[in-house]
Each structure stands twice: as C-alpha cells, then as structure tokens.
Amino acid sequence: MKQKFFFYWILGLIISACSNAPETDHIENTSFLPSWNEGHSKSAIMDFVQRVSDPNHPDFIPKSDRIACFDNDGTLWAEQPLYFQLIFALDYIKKEAPNHPEWKDNELINQLLNGETEKVLSGGEKSILEIIMISHAGKTTEEFTQSVNDWLAHANHPKYNKPFTKMVYQPMLELLDYLRENDFTVFIVSGGGVDFVRTWAEEVYGIPSYQIVGSSLKVVYDMDSNGNPVLKKEANINFIDDGAGKPVGIHQHIGKKPIFSVGNSDGDYQMLEYTKKGPGKGFAMLIHHDDAAREYAYDSTSAIGKLVQGLKAAEGNQWVIVSMQNDWKTIFPF
C-alpha cells in the first residue's frame, strides 16, 4: 500500500512539474515576429539578438553599440516597378513640363513624357540621377519636404492602388520593433535621397530623421525674399549612399560599425560585408524577392534591386537569406 501511494505521489510530482515547465522555444517564438514563419531565418535573428542582449552571455554587446542598419528600397518597403522616389520625380516632371519650355530639348525628359521608361532606366544610375536633380534641385529644403508630402497625399502604387507609405513589409516592421525592444538603435542607410526618406520615415517606421543616412544633393545656405535664412538644394551630387558608399556613410553619419545589417540588393553588399567581417559579432541578412504571387519575383535580371553578387557570396559569408515566399506569412500590412 505504501509502495502504491509512493508511486502515485511521484507520478503527481512529475505531472505537476511538466504542467509548470517553462514555455518551449517554439511557443516563445510565436509571440515575437508573428508574421515570420518558424524556420532558420527567424531562429537566426532571435538567437543573435538574445545572445548579444544577454549580459551573462559571452557574446554580450552593450546597448550603446547595438547598432542596426537597414536599407530602405526593397528591404523595408517595395521598390517595384520603379523606385518610389523615381516615381515621385517622374510625376513632378510630367506636371511641371508646361512651365519649363527649356525641357523640350532634353532627350531624357522627352523619353519620360512619351512613356519610354525602360529607355530611361537603361541609362542606369546616370539617367536616374539626372531625373532626380531636375525634379529636386532649386527648392529649399522646406519646399522639397512639402512637395513630397503633397505627392504622398494622393499618389498610389500602380499595382496595389495603395498609398506608397502602406507599401511597407509587415515582417520588417515587426523586426524593427523587436530590435528596439532589445535596445538596438535602428538606422536607415538608403541609396535613395536622404531628404525624401526623412519626410515620412518617422511616421511610417518610427525612425527619426537624424537616424537616416542616404544619398544627397549639395545644399547651400541662402536668404529668401524676406531676408530669412533657407537651405537650398543644388543640381550637384553631394554623396551617393550606395555600394561602397554605404560603409562610408555609416562611418561619417553614425560613427560606429553596425552589428546588424539588412539589405536586398548588390548595392547593399559592402554594408553587409562591413557588418559581418572583422572583429566583433555581426549579423548580415538579405531579403530575397521570390514571391511573384504576393509581391514580385526578381534578382539577377532586374534593373531595380539587382541581386547577383550577394546571393553567390551569402553562404560563404554566413549571411542569412530571407525568402519572402517561405519565411513570411504575410507581406504587407493590408
């Protein structure tokens, strides 16, 4: 009888211990990054963040050094069928063409007005920069910000018919929040124009303007007609924050090497390489657009967001490749 009582007593303890056991990793993961499917990408993110945030772990990194850098176009929001800043510039040129008779002799503008966008893109970075300068230069910084806000208020994505500020990736919004919850400071390091991104990034991502690095035109100090000081954008390139320029921009504007970087194209290669290689811990990740049903599928042959070098180098460099098709439960927040 005593043996039987002892057996049930032990059994009760085992059941009680099981019922009060801590949640498993699988259950815990469901409360973080909910739009991410369970798998290597999500696990790698969480493992890295937990290691560098745990003061008792040998990989611990102080809060002040937990710097995360994100590309914007194709990484935080969509970039097809054209970079959204380029669509803004095209819309501006079409609207303003009647007020600028001097543009009629510009072959690039004529191609735009005739709907020959592919010809414009075939000119590569040079053509895109010329369009950007035509549409951006000559404005004060306040006038430029207002023109972007006016455009965003009525412009919609051509495929989804949603405002461009809604074309953000829900899983990436969750990742930004997850990093901030673990005391990372998050920066945008964009090949796009810094003033363009600063106009809306705090509202959309919660990232303030002083945590945004990007390409820029030269800006000069001037006086307006009322004698008030203004900053005016010129038709000259100041800095291109793309490719090898991204680590340079990070150094010049942030002053610390990131430990966590995310991109989606070969323009982000050097930023990821800079983050992952060398002394210290680093996490590098590429978003691979491979979901034609829910977004777009493109990499090596695309004029926008071309990705060749990064895919080839990812495994050897221990970069995480995120498949939009397999790793994300949903793409957009709508």
Protein backbone atom coordinates (compact mmCIF):
# COMPACT_ATOMS: atom_id res chain seq x y z
CA MET A 1 0.00 0.00 0.00
CA LYS A 2 2.84 2.35 0.90
CA GLN A 3 4.57 1.47 -2.35
CA LYS A 4 1.40 2.23 -4.32
CA PHE A 5 0.96 5.57 -2.52
CA PHE A 6 4.61 6.42 -3.16
CA PHE A 7 4.20 5.61 -6.88
CA TYR A 8 1.18 7.94 -7.26
CA TRP A 9 2.94 10.65 -5.25
CA ILE A 10 5.93 10.54 -7.59
CA LEU A 11 3.63 10.49 -10.63
CA GLY A 12 1.82 13.56 -9.30
CA LEU A 13 5.10 15.41 -8.90
CA ILE A 14 6.10 14.59 -12.48
CA ILE A 15 2.76 15.79 -13.88
CA SER A 16 2.93 18.95 -11.80
CA ALA A 17 6.49 19.66 -12.95
CA CYS A 18 5.50 19.21 -16.58
CA SER A 19 2.48 21.48 -16.28
CA ASN A 20 4.61 24.21 -14.68
CA ALA A 21 7.59 23.84 -17.01
CA PRO A 22 8.73 26.93 -18.86
CA GLU A 23 7.41 27.51 -22.37
CA THR A 24 9.38 25.82 -25.12
CA ASP A 25 11.35 27.85 -27.63
CA HIS A 26 8.71 27.13 -30.26
CA ILE A 27 5.92 28.56 -28.11
CA GLU A 28 8.06 31.53 -27.10
CA ASN A 29 8.83 32.34 -30.71
CA THR A 30 5.17 32.75 -31.61
CA SER A 31 4.94 35.91 -29.50
CA PHE A 32 7.82 37.55 -31.39
CA LEU A 33 7.93 38.34 -35.11
CA PRO A 34 4.41 36.91 -35.59
CA SER A 35 4.42 37.45 -39.38
CA TRP A 36 7.54 35.30 -39.73
CA ASN A 37 7.28 31.55 -40.29
CA GLU A 38 9.24 29.34 -37.94
CA GLY A 39 12.49 28.36 -39.58
CA HIS A 40 16.17 29.16 -39.99
CA SER A 41 15.78 32.89 -40.71
CA LYS A 42 13.59 33.67 -37.73
CA SER A 43 15.63 31.45 -35.42
CA ALA A 44 18.90 33.04 -36.56
CA ILE A 45 17.56 36.54 -35.88
CA MET A 46 16.27 35.69 -32.43
CA ASP A 47 19.35 33.70 -31.46
CA PHE A 48 21.67 36.57 -32.37
CA VAL A 49 19.58 39.23 -30.65
CA GLN A 50 19.21 37.17 -27.49
CA ARG A 51 22.95 36.42 -27.33
CA VAL A 52 24.13 40.00 -27.73
CA SER A 53 21.45 41.29 -25.34
CA ASP A 54 22.18 38.86 -22.51
CA PRO A 55 24.73 40.34 -20.05
CA ASN A 56 25.62 36.80 -18.93
CA HIS A 57 26.42 35.58 -22.43
CA PRO A 58 29.98 35.75 -23.80
CA ASP A 59 28.63 37.46 -26.95
CA PHE A 60 27.03 40.29 -24.97
CA ILE A 61 27.27 43.75 -26.58
CA PRO A 62 26.47 46.94 -24.61
CA LYS A 63 23.36 48.89 -25.59
CA SER A 64 25.40 51.78 -26.93
CA ASP A 65 27.00 49.51 -29.52
CA ARG A 66 23.86 47.69 -30.66
CA ILE A 67 23.63 49.49 -34.00
CA ALA A 68 21.31 48.10 -36.70
CA CYS A 69 21.32 49.41 -40.28
CA PHE A 70 18.58 48.79 -42.82
CA ASP A 71 18.45 49.55 -46.50
CA ASN A 72 15.07 51.02 -47.45
CA ASP A 73 14.03 50.31 -51.05
CA GLY A 74 13.21 46.62 -51.39
CA THR A 75 14.15 45.99 -47.75
CA LEU A 76 11.65 47.96 -45.67
CA TRP A 77 9.21 48.86 -48.43
CA ALA A 78 8.63 47.76 -52.02
CA GLU A 79 10.72 49.06 -54.92
CA GLN A 80 8.95 47.70 -57.98
CA PRO A 81 8.01 48.55 -60.69
CA LEU A 82 10.23 51.62 -60.04
CA TYR A 83 11.90 53.15 -57.03
CA PHE A 84 9.18 55.23 -55.39
CA GLN A 85 11.37 58.32 -55.30
CA LEU A 86 11.81 57.96 -59.05
CA ILE A 87 8.03 57.77 -59.49
CA PHE A 88 7.79 60.97 -57.45
CA ALA A 89 10.34 62.62 -59.74
CA LEU A 90 8.54 61.41 -62.88
CA ASP A 91 5.20 62.72 -61.64
CA TYR A 92 6.79 66.07 -60.84
CA ILE A 93 8.37 66.40 -64.28
CA LYS A 94 5.12 65.50 -66.05
CA LYS A 95 3.22 68.06 -64.00
CA GLU A 96 5.79 70.83 -64.40
CA ALA A 97 6.74 70.27 -68.05
CA PRO A 98 4.39 73.00 -69.37
CA ASN A 99 6.16 75.53 -67.11
CA HIS A 100 9.62 74.59 -68.39
CA PRO A 101 9.89 75.08 -72.16
CA GLU A 102 13.65 74.54 -71.85
CA TRP A 103 12.99 70.87 -71.10
CA LYS A 104 11.79 70.21 -74.65
CA ASP A 105 15.39 69.78 -75.79
CA ASN A 106 16.20 67.26 -73.05
CA GLU A 107 16.17 63.76 -74.55
CA LEU A 108 15.71 62.08 -71.17
CA ILE A 109 12.66 64.17 -70.32
CA ASN A 110 11.19 63.55 -73.76
CA GLN A 111 11.52 59.82 -73.17
CA LEU A 112 9.72 60.17 -69.86
CA LEU A 113 6.90 62.24 -71.29
CA ASN A 114 6.49 59.71 -74.11
CA GLY A 115 6.19 56.85 -71.63
CA GLU A 116 9.53 55.30 -72.59
CA THR A 117 10.50 54.48 -69.02
CA GLU A 118 12.56 51.43 -69.97
CA LYS A 119 14.81 53.60 -72.13
CA VAL A 120 15.34 55.91 -69.19
CA LEU A 121 16.26 53.01 -66.90
CA SER A 122 18.63 51.60 -69.50
CA GLY A 123 20.75 54.69 -68.88
CA GLY A 124 21.44 53.37 -65.40
CA GLU A 125 22.47 55.50 -62.45
CA LYS A 126 23.43 58.47 -64.63
CA SER A 127 19.91 58.82 -66.06
CA ILE A 128 18.24 58.33 -62.69
CA LEU A 129 20.45 60.95 -61.08
CA GLU A 130 19.68 63.43 -63.85
CA ILE A 131 15.94 62.96 -63.28
CA ILE A 132 16.40 63.35 -59.53
CA MET A 133 18.37 66.56 -59.97
CA ILE A 134 15.84 68.05 -62.39
CA SER A 135 12.94 67.36 -60.02
CA HIS A 136 14.68 68.13 -56.70
CA ALA A 137 17.12 70.98 -57.32
CA GLY A 138 16.28 74.65 -56.91
CA LYS A 139 13.93 74.07 -53.98
CA THR A 140 14.53 74.98 -50.40
CA THR A 141 14.55 72.03 -48.04
CA GLU A 142 11.12 73.11 -46.73
CA GLU A 143 9.69 73.36 -50.27
CA PHE A 144 11.03 69.93 -51.11
CA THR A 145 9.53 68.37 -47.99
CA GLN A 146 6.17 69.95 -48.80
CA SER A 147 6.28 68.67 -52.38
CA VAL A 148 6.93 65.12 -51.15
CA ASN A 149 4.08 65.36 -48.63
CA ASP A 150 1.72 66.71 -51.29
CA TRP A 151 2.63 63.82 -53.59
CA LEU A 152 2.26 61.16 -50.90
CA ALA A 153 -1.19 62.51 -50.05
CA HIS A 154 -2.66 61.46 -53.39
CA ALA A 155 -0.22 59.06 -55.14
CA ASN A 156 -0.95 55.33 -55.12
CA HIS A 157 1.08 52.30 -56.11
CA PRO A 158 0.25 51.32 -59.73
CA LYS A 159 -0.29 47.62 -58.96
CA TYR A 160 -1.87 47.62 -55.49
CA ASN A 161 -3.64 51.01 -55.62
CA LYS A 162 -2.47 51.73 -52.08
CA PRO A 163 -0.62 54.80 -50.79
CA PHE A 164 3.12 54.33 -51.10
CA THR A 165 3.52 54.63 -47.33
CA LYS A 166 1.37 51.49 -47.00
CA MET A 167 3.72 49.51 -49.24
CA VAL A 168 5.89 48.56 -46.27
CA TYR A 169 6.69 44.99 -45.27
CA GLN A 170 4.84 43.87 -42.16
CA PRO A 171 7.54 41.35 -41.13
CA MET A 172 10.14 44.10 -41.29
CA LEU A 173 8.05 46.47 -39.18
CA GLU A 174 7.96 43.69 -36.58
CA LEU A 175 11.72 43.23 -36.85
CA LEU A 176 12.32 46.94 -36.25
CA ASP A 177 10.15 46.77 -33.13
CA TYR A 178 11.86 43.58 -31.93
CA LEU A 179 15.30 45.14 -32.21
CA ARG A 180 14.21 48.32 -30.42
CA GLU A 181 12.66 46.24 -27.65
CA ASN A 182 16.13 44.73 -27.19
CA ASP A 183 17.80 48.15 -27.03
CA PHE A 184 19.13 48.35 -30.57
CA THR A 185 19.37 51.76 -32.20
CA VAL A 186 17.99 51.43 -35.72
CA PHE A 187 19.21 53.44 -38.70
CA ILE A 188 18.09 53.57 -42.31
CA VAL A 189 21.04 53.52 -44.72
CA SER A 190 19.44 54.10 -48.09
CA GLY A 191 20.66 54.55 -51.62
CA GLY A 192 17.64 56.82 -52.01
CA GLY A 193 17.61 60.51 -51.20
CA VAL A 194 18.04 61.27 -47.53
CA ASP A 195 15.62 64.22 -47.62
CA PHE A 196 12.98 62.15 -49.40
CA VAL A 197 13.12 59.38 -46.78
CA ARG A 198 13.24 61.80 -43.86
CA THR A 199 9.91 63.29 -44.92
CA TRP A 200 7.87 60.24 -43.90
CA ALA A 201 10.15 57.68 -42.15
CA GLU A 202 9.32 58.63 -38.57
CA GLU A 203 5.59 58.28 -39.17
CA VAL A 204 5.94 55.00 -41.08
CA TYR A 205 8.84 53.28 -39.28
CA GLY A 206 9.25 55.22 -36.06
CA ILE A 207 12.78 56.16 -37.16
CA PRO A 208 13.60 59.87 -36.62
CA SER A 209 15.26 61.96 -39.32
CA TYR A 210 18.62 62.05 -37.54
CA GLN A 211 18.83 58.24 -37.80
CA ILE A 212 18.63 58.25 -41.59
CA VAL A 213 21.63 58.10 -43.92
CA GLY A 214 21.14 58.49 -47.65
CA SER A 215 22.24 59.96 -50.94
CA SER A 216 22.09 63.72 -51.22
CA LEU A 217 22.41 66.75 -53.46
CA LYS A 218 24.57 69.64 -52.39
CA VAL A 219 22.77 72.13 -50.18
CA VAL A 220 23.70 75.80 -49.78
CA TYR A 221 22.81 78.44 -47.23
CA ASP A 222 20.81 81.31 -48.74
CA MET A 223 18.30 84.05 -47.94
CA ASP A 224 14.72 84.15 -49.17
CA SER A 225 12.94 87.27 -50.45
CA ASN A 226 12.00 88.24 -46.88
CA GLY A 227 15.57 88.06 -45.64
CA ASN A 228 15.07 84.76 -43.81
CA PRO A 229 17.78 82.08 -43.93
CA VAL A 230 16.98 79.00 -46.00
CA LEU A 231 18.80 75.89 -47.22
CA LYS A 232 18.54 75.36 -50.97
CA LYS A 233 19.17 72.17 -52.93
CA GLU A 234 21.54 72.46 -55.89
CA ALA A 235 21.81 70.39 -59.06
CA ASN A 236 25.06 68.78 -57.92
CA ILE A 237 25.65 65.44 -56.25
CA ASN A 238 26.91 65.63 -52.69
CA PHE A 239 27.05 61.93 -51.72
CA ILE A 240 25.92 58.58 -53.19
CA ASP A 241 24.98 56.23 -50.38
CA ASP A 242 25.16 53.00 -52.36
CA GLY A 243 27.61 50.14 -52.76
CA ALA A 244 30.95 51.03 -51.16
CA GLY A 245 29.44 54.38 -50.20
CA LYS A 246 27.23 52.76 -47.55
CA PRO A 247 30.02 51.87 -45.07
CA VAL A 248 31.47 55.34 -45.69
CA GLY A 249 28.10 56.93 -44.94
CA ILE A 250 27.74 54.81 -41.82
CA HIS A 251 31.13 55.95 -40.56
CA GLN A 252 30.54 59.60 -41.36
CA HIS A 253 27.00 59.88 -40.02
CA ILE A 254 26.78 57.21 -37.31
CA GLY A 255 30.38 56.85 -36.18
CA LYS A 256 30.00 53.21 -35.14
CA LYS A 257 30.15 49.94 -37.00
CA PRO A 258 26.77 48.18 -37.11
CA ILE A 259 26.35 44.73 -35.61
CA PHE A 260 23.13 44.03 -37.54
CA SER A 261 22.55 44.96 -41.19
CA VAL A 262 19.84 44.10 -43.69
CA GLY A 263 19.62 44.74 -47.44
CA ASN A 264 18.17 43.19 -50.57
CA SER A 265 20.46 44.01 -53.49
CA ASP A 266 24.07 44.11 -54.59
CA GLY A 267 24.04 47.78 -53.63
CA ASP A 268 23.98 46.56 -50.03
CA TYR A 269 26.85 44.10 -50.44
CA GLN A 270 29.57 46.23 -48.87
CA MET A 271 27.34 47.23 -45.94
CA LEU A 272 26.71 43.57 -45.11
CA GLU A 273 30.37 42.70 -45.62
CA TYR A 274 31.41 45.58 -43.34
CA THR A 275 28.99 44.39 -40.67
CA LYS A 276 29.82 40.71 -40.75
CA LYS A 277 33.59 40.63 -41.29
CA GLY A 278 36.32 41.85 -38.99
CA PRO A 279 36.46 41.96 -35.18
CA GLY A 280 33.32 41.65 -33.11
CA LYS A 281 29.99 39.94 -33.64
CA GLY A 282 27.92 40.80 -36.69
CA PHE A 283 24.68 39.69 -38.33
CA ALA A 284 24.03 40.22 -42.05
CA MET A 285 20.80 39.44 -43.90
CA LEU A 286 19.44 39.72 -47.44
CA ILE A 287 15.76 39.87 -48.34
CA HIS A 288 15.20 37.77 -51.46
CA HIS A 289 12.22 38.77 -53.60
CA ASP A 290 10.98 35.37 -54.73
CA ASP A 291 7.21 35.71 -54.26
CA ALA A 292 5.58 36.62 -57.56
CA ALA A 293 2.11 35.79 -56.22
CA ARG A 294 2.08 38.17 -53.26
CA GLU A 295 4.69 40.74 -54.35
CA TYR A 296 7.34 40.40 -57.10
CA ALA A 297 9.97 37.82 -58.02
CA TYR A 298 13.28 39.28 -59.20
CA ASP A 299 17.02 39.24 -58.62
CA SER A 300 19.72 38.81 -61.29
CA THR A 301 17.95 40.27 -64.33
CA SER A 302 16.14 43.19 -62.72
CA ALA A 303 17.11 46.80 -63.41
CA ILE A 304 15.68 47.60 -59.97
CA GLY A 305 17.17 45.87 -56.93
CA LYS A 306 19.53 43.62 -58.87
CA LEU A 307 20.88 40.78 -56.73
CA VAL A 308 23.65 38.54 -58.08
CA GLN A 309 26.83 39.02 -56.08
CA GLY A 310 25.04 38.86 -52.75
CA LEU A 311 23.34 35.54 -53.46
CA LYS A 312 26.62 33.97 -54.56
CA ALA A 313 28.51 35.22 -51.52
CA ALA A 314 25.88 34.68 -48.84
CA GLU A 315 26.70 31.12 -47.84
CA GLY A 316 30.46 31.64 -47.64
CA ASN A 317 29.98 34.83 -45.66
CA GLN A 318 27.35 33.30 -43.38
CA TRP A 319 24.70 35.81 -44.37
CA VAL A 320 21.07 34.89 -43.76
CA ILE A 321 18.90 34.77 -46.90
CA VAL A 322 15.24 35.53 -46.19
CA SER A 323 12.85 34.03 -48.69
CA MET A 324 9.77 36.23 -48.88
CA GLN A 325 7.83 33.23 -50.17
CA ASN A 326 8.87 30.80 -47.44
CA ASP A 327 9.80 32.93 -44.44
CA TRP A 328 6.97 35.47 -44.38
CA LYS A 329 3.36 34.64 -43.52
CA THR A 330 2.23 37.96 -44.92
CA ILE A 331 3.90 40.68 -46.98
CA PHE A 332 2.04 43.97 -46.48
CA PRO A 333 0.02 45.28 -43.53
CA PHE A 334 -3.16 45.44 -45.63
